[in-house]
Amino acid sequence: MGRITHKGIMEVEGNGIPERDKARQQVLARINELTSGDPDVYLSIDALAGELNMMRYELFDILNFLQGEGLVRILSRMSVAIINRD
């Protein structure tokens, strides 16, 4: 059995995979567009999933990643907001 490597972890988590990176950028861009970059504006996750034509669980995977990166915050699993980067 092989060793656990950083490269292997990145592959499993989807970092560096063009389709996942593209989906993450698309979600982040749409959140920025809909909130006008205002961290006080909250979006319904269900409405955002419909807007992006995604299943809720797919969107949650992306939002959890973006939250881990400090780019968005998920509020009570119902809404999402952009984080002020100033």
N, C-alpha and C. Protein backbone atom coordinates (compact mmCIF):
# COMPACT_ATOMS: atom_id res chain seq x y z
N MET A 1 0.85 -1.18 0.00
CA MET A 1 0.00 0.00 0.00
C MET A 1 0.89 1.24 0.00
N GLY A 2 0.48 2.25 -0.74
CA GLY A 2 1.27 3.47 -0.86
C GLY A 2 1.07 4.42 0.30
N ARG A 3 1.89 5.46 0.27
CA ARG A 3 1.81 6.49 1.30
C ARG A 3 0.79 7.55 0.92
N ILE A 4 0.27 8.22 1.93
CA ILE A 4 -0.60 9.36 1.70
C ILE A 4 0.29 10.55 1.37
N THR A 5 0.03 11.17 0.24
CA THR A 5 0.83 12.32 -0.18
C THR A 5 -0.06 13.54 -0.35
N HIS A 6 0.57 14.70 -0.36
CA HIS A 6 -0.16 15.95 -0.58
C HIS A 6 -0.85 15.90 -1.95
N LYS A 7 -0.14 15.39 -2.95
CA LYS A 7 -0.71 15.30 -4.29
C LYS A 7 -1.97 14.43 -4.28
N GLY A 8 -1.90 13.30 -3.57
CA GLY A 8 -3.06 12.41 -3.49
C GLY A 8 -4.24 13.06 -2.79
N ILE A 9 -3.96 13.77 -1.72
CA ILE A 9 -5.03 14.48 -0.99
C ILE A 9 -5.67 15.52 -1.90
N MET A 10 -4.86 16.27 -2.62
CA MET A 10 -5.39 17.30 -3.53
C MET A 10 -6.25 16.66 -4.62
N GLU A 11 -5.85 15.51 -5.12
CA GLU A 11 -6.65 14.83 -6.14
C GLU A 11 -8.00 14.40 -5.58
N VAL A 12 -7.99 13.82 -4.39
CA VAL A 12 -9.23 13.35 -3.78
C VAL A 12 -10.17 14.51 -3.49
N GLU A 13 -9.63 15.62 -3.01
CA GLU A 13 -10.47 16.78 -2.69
C GLU A 13 -10.86 17.57 -3.93
N GLY A 14 -10.26 17.25 -5.06
CA GLY A 14 -10.64 17.90 -6.30
C GLY A 14 -9.90 19.17 -6.60
N ASN A 15 -8.89 19.51 -5.82
CA ASN A 15 -8.11 20.71 -6.11
C ASN A 15 -7.27 20.44 -7.34
N GLY A 16 -7.26 21.38 -8.25
CA GLY A 16 -6.48 21.22 -9.46
C GLY A 16 -7.23 20.50 -10.56
N ILE A 17 -8.43 20.02 -10.27
CA ILE A 17 -9.23 19.37 -11.31
C ILE A 17 -10.03 20.48 -12.00
N PRO A 18 -9.80 20.66 -13.29
CA PRO A 18 -10.41 21.81 -13.99
C PRO A 18 -11.92 21.94 -13.82
N GLU A 19 -12.67 20.84 -13.86
CA GLU A 19 -14.13 20.93 -13.75
C GLU A 19 -14.55 21.47 -12.38
N ARG A 20 -13.89 20.99 -11.34
CA ARG A 20 -14.24 21.46 -9.99
C ARG A 20 -13.81 22.90 -9.78
N ASP A 21 -12.62 23.24 -10.24
CA ASP A 21 -12.16 24.62 -10.11
C ASP A 21 -13.10 25.57 -10.85
N LYS A 22 -13.53 25.16 -12.04
CA LYS A 22 -14.44 25.99 -12.84
C LYS A 22 -15.78 26.16 -12.11
N ALA A 23 -16.31 25.08 -11.54
CA ALA A 23 -17.59 25.15 -10.82
C ALA A 23 -17.46 26.06 -9.60
N ARG A 24 -16.35 25.95 -8.88
CA ARG A 24 -16.14 26.80 -7.69
C ARG A 24 -16.07 28.26 -8.08
N GLN A 25 -15.35 28.56 -9.16
CA GLN A 25 -15.24 29.95 -9.62
C GLN A 25 -16.60 30.47 -10.08
N GLN A 26 -17.37 29.62 -10.75
CA GLN A 26 -18.70 30.01 -11.22
C GLN A 26 -19.61 30.35 -10.04
N VAL A 27 -19.60 29.51 -9.01
CA VAL A 27 -20.44 29.75 -7.83
C VAL A 27 -20.01 31.03 -7.13
N LEU A 28 -18.72 31.21 -6.92
CA LEU A 28 -18.23 32.41 -6.24
C LEU A 28 -18.56 33.67 -7.04
N ALA A 29 -18.40 33.61 -8.35
CA ALA A 29 -18.71 34.76 -9.20
C ALA A 29 -20.20 35.10 -9.13
N ARG A 30 -21.05 34.08 -9.14
CA ARG A 30 -22.49 34.32 -9.09
C ARG A 30 -22.91 34.91 -7.74
N ILE A 31 -22.30 34.42 -6.66
CA ILE A 31 -22.60 34.98 -5.34
C ILE A 31 -22.17 36.44 -5.30
N ASN A 32 -20.98 36.74 -5.80
CA ASN A 32 -20.51 38.13 -5.85
C ASN A 32 -21.45 39.00 -6.66
N GLU A 33 -21.91 38.47 -7.80
CA GLU A 33 -22.81 39.24 -8.67
C GLU A 33 -24.15 39.51 -7.99
N LEU A 34 -24.73 38.47 -7.39
CA LEU A 34 -26.06 38.62 -6.78
C LEU A 34 -26.04 39.47 -5.52
N THR A 35 -24.91 39.48 -4.81
CA THR A 35 -24.82 40.27 -3.57
C THR A 35 -24.13 41.62 -3.80
N SER A 36 -23.65 41.85 -5.00
CA SER A 36 -22.85 43.04 -5.33
C SER A 36 -21.65 43.15 -4.39
N GLY A 37 -21.16 42.00 -3.93
CA GLY A 37 -20.00 41.98 -3.05
C GLY A 37 -20.27 42.45 -1.63
N ASP A 38 -21.55 42.64 -1.29
CA ASP A 38 -21.93 43.14 0.04
C ASP A 38 -22.05 41.97 1.02
N PRO A 39 -21.21 41.92 2.06
CA PRO A 39 -21.27 40.80 3.01
C PRO A 39 -22.52 40.80 3.89
N ASP A 40 -23.30 41.87 3.85
CA ASP A 40 -24.54 41.93 4.63
C ASP A 40 -25.75 41.39 3.86
N VAL A 41 -25.54 40.99 2.60
CA VAL A 41 -26.62 40.44 1.79
C VAL A 41 -26.51 38.92 1.84
N TYR A 42 -27.60 38.26 2.20
CA TYR A 42 -27.63 36.80 2.31
C TYR A 42 -28.45 36.22 1.16
N LEU A 43 -27.99 35.11 0.63
CA LEU A 43 -28.69 34.43 -0.45
C LEU A 43 -29.23 33.09 0.05
N SER A 44 -30.43 32.76 -0.36
CA SER A 44 -30.99 31.45 -0.06
C SER A 44 -30.21 30.40 -0.85
N ILE A 45 -29.75 29.37 -0.17
CA ILE A 45 -28.98 28.32 -0.84
C ILE A 45 -29.85 27.58 -1.85
N ASP A 46 -31.12 27.35 -1.52
CA ASP A 46 -32.01 26.68 -2.47
C ASP A 46 -32.20 27.51 -3.73
N ALA A 47 -32.39 28.82 -3.57
CA ALA A 47 -32.56 29.70 -4.72
C ALA A 47 -31.27 29.76 -5.55
N LEU A 48 -30.13 29.79 -4.87
CA LEU A 48 -28.85 29.82 -5.57
C LEU A 48 -28.64 28.53 -6.36
N ALA A 49 -29.01 27.40 -5.78
CA ALA A 49 -28.89 26.12 -6.48
C ALA A 49 -29.74 26.14 -7.75
N GLY A 50 -30.96 26.67 -7.66
CA GLY A 50 -31.82 26.78 -8.83
C GLY A 50 -31.24 27.72 -9.87
N GLU A 51 -30.69 28.83 -9.41
CA GLU A 51 -30.08 29.82 -10.30
C GLU A 51 -28.91 29.22 -11.08
N LEU A 52 -28.14 28.36 -10.41
CA LEU A 52 -26.96 27.76 -11.03
C LEU A 52 -27.26 26.41 -11.68
N ASN A 53 -28.53 25.98 -11.62
CA ASN A 53 -28.93 24.69 -12.18
C ASN A 53 -28.11 23.55 -11.59
N MET A 54 -27.98 23.55 -10.25
CA MET A 54 -27.23 22.52 -9.53
C MET A 54 -28.13 21.87 -8.51
N MET A 55 -27.78 20.65 -8.16
CA MET A 55 -28.45 19.99 -7.04
C MET A 55 -27.93 20.63 -5.76
N ARG A 56 -28.77 20.64 -4.73
CA ARG A 56 -28.39 21.28 -3.46
C ARG A 56 -27.11 20.67 -2.88
N TYR A 57 -26.98 19.35 -2.94
CA TYR A 57 -25.80 18.70 -2.37
C TYR A 57 -24.53 19.07 -3.13
N GLU A 58 -24.64 19.26 -4.46
CA GLU A 58 -23.47 19.69 -5.25
C GLU A 58 -23.04 21.08 -4.82
N LEU A 59 -24.03 21.96 -4.67
CA LEU A 59 -23.73 23.32 -4.25
C LEU A 59 -23.14 23.34 -2.85
N PHE A 60 -23.66 22.51 -1.94
CA PHE A 60 -23.12 22.47 -0.58
C PHE A 60 -21.66 22.03 -0.57
N ASP A 61 -21.31 21.07 -1.41
CA ASP A 61 -19.90 20.65 -1.49
C ASP A 61 -19.01 21.83 -1.85
N ILE A 62 -19.45 22.61 -2.83
CA ILE A 62 -18.67 23.77 -3.28
C ILE A 62 -18.65 24.84 -2.19
N LEU A 63 -19.81 25.12 -1.59
CA LEU A 63 -19.87 26.15 -0.55
C LEU A 63 -19.02 25.78 0.66
N ASN A 64 -19.01 24.51 1.03
CA ASN A 64 -18.17 24.07 2.14
C ASN A 64 -16.70 24.29 1.82
N PHE A 65 -16.30 24.02 0.59
CA PHE A 65 -14.91 24.27 0.19
C PHE A 65 -14.61 25.77 0.26
N LEU A 66 -15.51 26.60 -0.31
CA LEU A 66 -15.29 28.05 -0.32
C LEU A 66 -15.29 28.61 1.10
N GLN A 67 -16.10 28.05 1.98
CA GLN A 67 -16.09 28.49 3.38
C GLN A 67 -14.76 28.13 4.03
N GLY A 68 -14.25 26.96 3.73
CA GLY A 68 -12.94 26.54 4.25
C GLY A 68 -11.81 27.44 3.77
N GLU A 69 -11.98 28.01 2.59
CA GLU A 69 -10.99 28.94 2.04
C GLU A 69 -11.19 30.36 2.56
N GLY A 70 -12.26 30.58 3.33
CA GLY A 70 -12.52 31.91 3.89
C GLY A 70 -13.14 32.88 2.91
N LEU A 71 -13.84 32.36 1.90
CA LEU A 71 -14.42 33.22 0.87
C LEU A 71 -15.91 33.48 1.07
N VAL A 72 -16.62 32.55 1.68
CA VAL A 72 -18.04 32.72 1.97
C VAL A 72 -18.31 32.19 3.37
N ARG A 73 -19.51 32.49 3.87
CA ARG A 73 -19.93 31.88 5.12
C ARG A 73 -21.34 31.33 4.94
N ILE A 74 -21.53 30.13 5.45
CA ILE A 74 -22.83 29.48 5.39
C ILE A 74 -23.53 29.76 6.72
N LEU A 75 -24.75 30.22 6.63
CA LEU A 75 -25.52 30.59 7.82
C LEU A 75 -26.68 29.63 8.00
N SER A 76 -26.65 28.86 9.03
CA SER A 76 -27.71 27.92 9.42
C SER A 76 -28.16 27.01 8.28
N ARG A 77 -27.27 26.65 7.40
CA ARG A 77 -27.52 25.74 6.28
C ARG A 77 -28.66 26.19 5.38
N MET A 78 -29.09 27.44 5.52
CA MET A 78 -30.18 27.96 4.71
C MET A 78 -29.74 29.07 3.77
N SER A 79 -28.70 29.80 4.18
CA SER A 79 -28.27 30.94 3.37
C SER A 79 -26.76 31.04 3.37
N VAL A 80 -26.27 31.85 2.43
CA VAL A 80 -24.84 32.03 2.27
C VAL A 80 -24.56 33.51 2.03
N ALA A 81 -23.41 33.97 2.49
CA ALA A 81 -23.00 35.36 2.29
C ALA A 81 -21.52 35.37 1.93
N ILE A 82 -21.14 36.38 1.18
CA ILE A 82 -19.74 36.58 0.83
C ILE A 82 -19.03 37.15 2.05
N ILE A 83 -17.75 36.88 2.19
CA ILE A 83 -16.99 37.43 3.31
C ILE A 83 -16.27 38.68 2.84
N ASN A 84 -16.33 39.73 3.65
CA ASN A 84 -15.66 40.98 3.34
C ASN A 84 -14.16 40.76 3.36
N ARG A 85 -13.49 41.01 2.25
CA ARG A 85 -12.06 40.74 2.12
C ARG A 85 -11.20 41.97 2.36
N ASP A 86 -11.75 43.04 2.91
CA ASP A 86 -10.97 44.27 3.13
C ASP A 86 -9.99 44.13 4.24
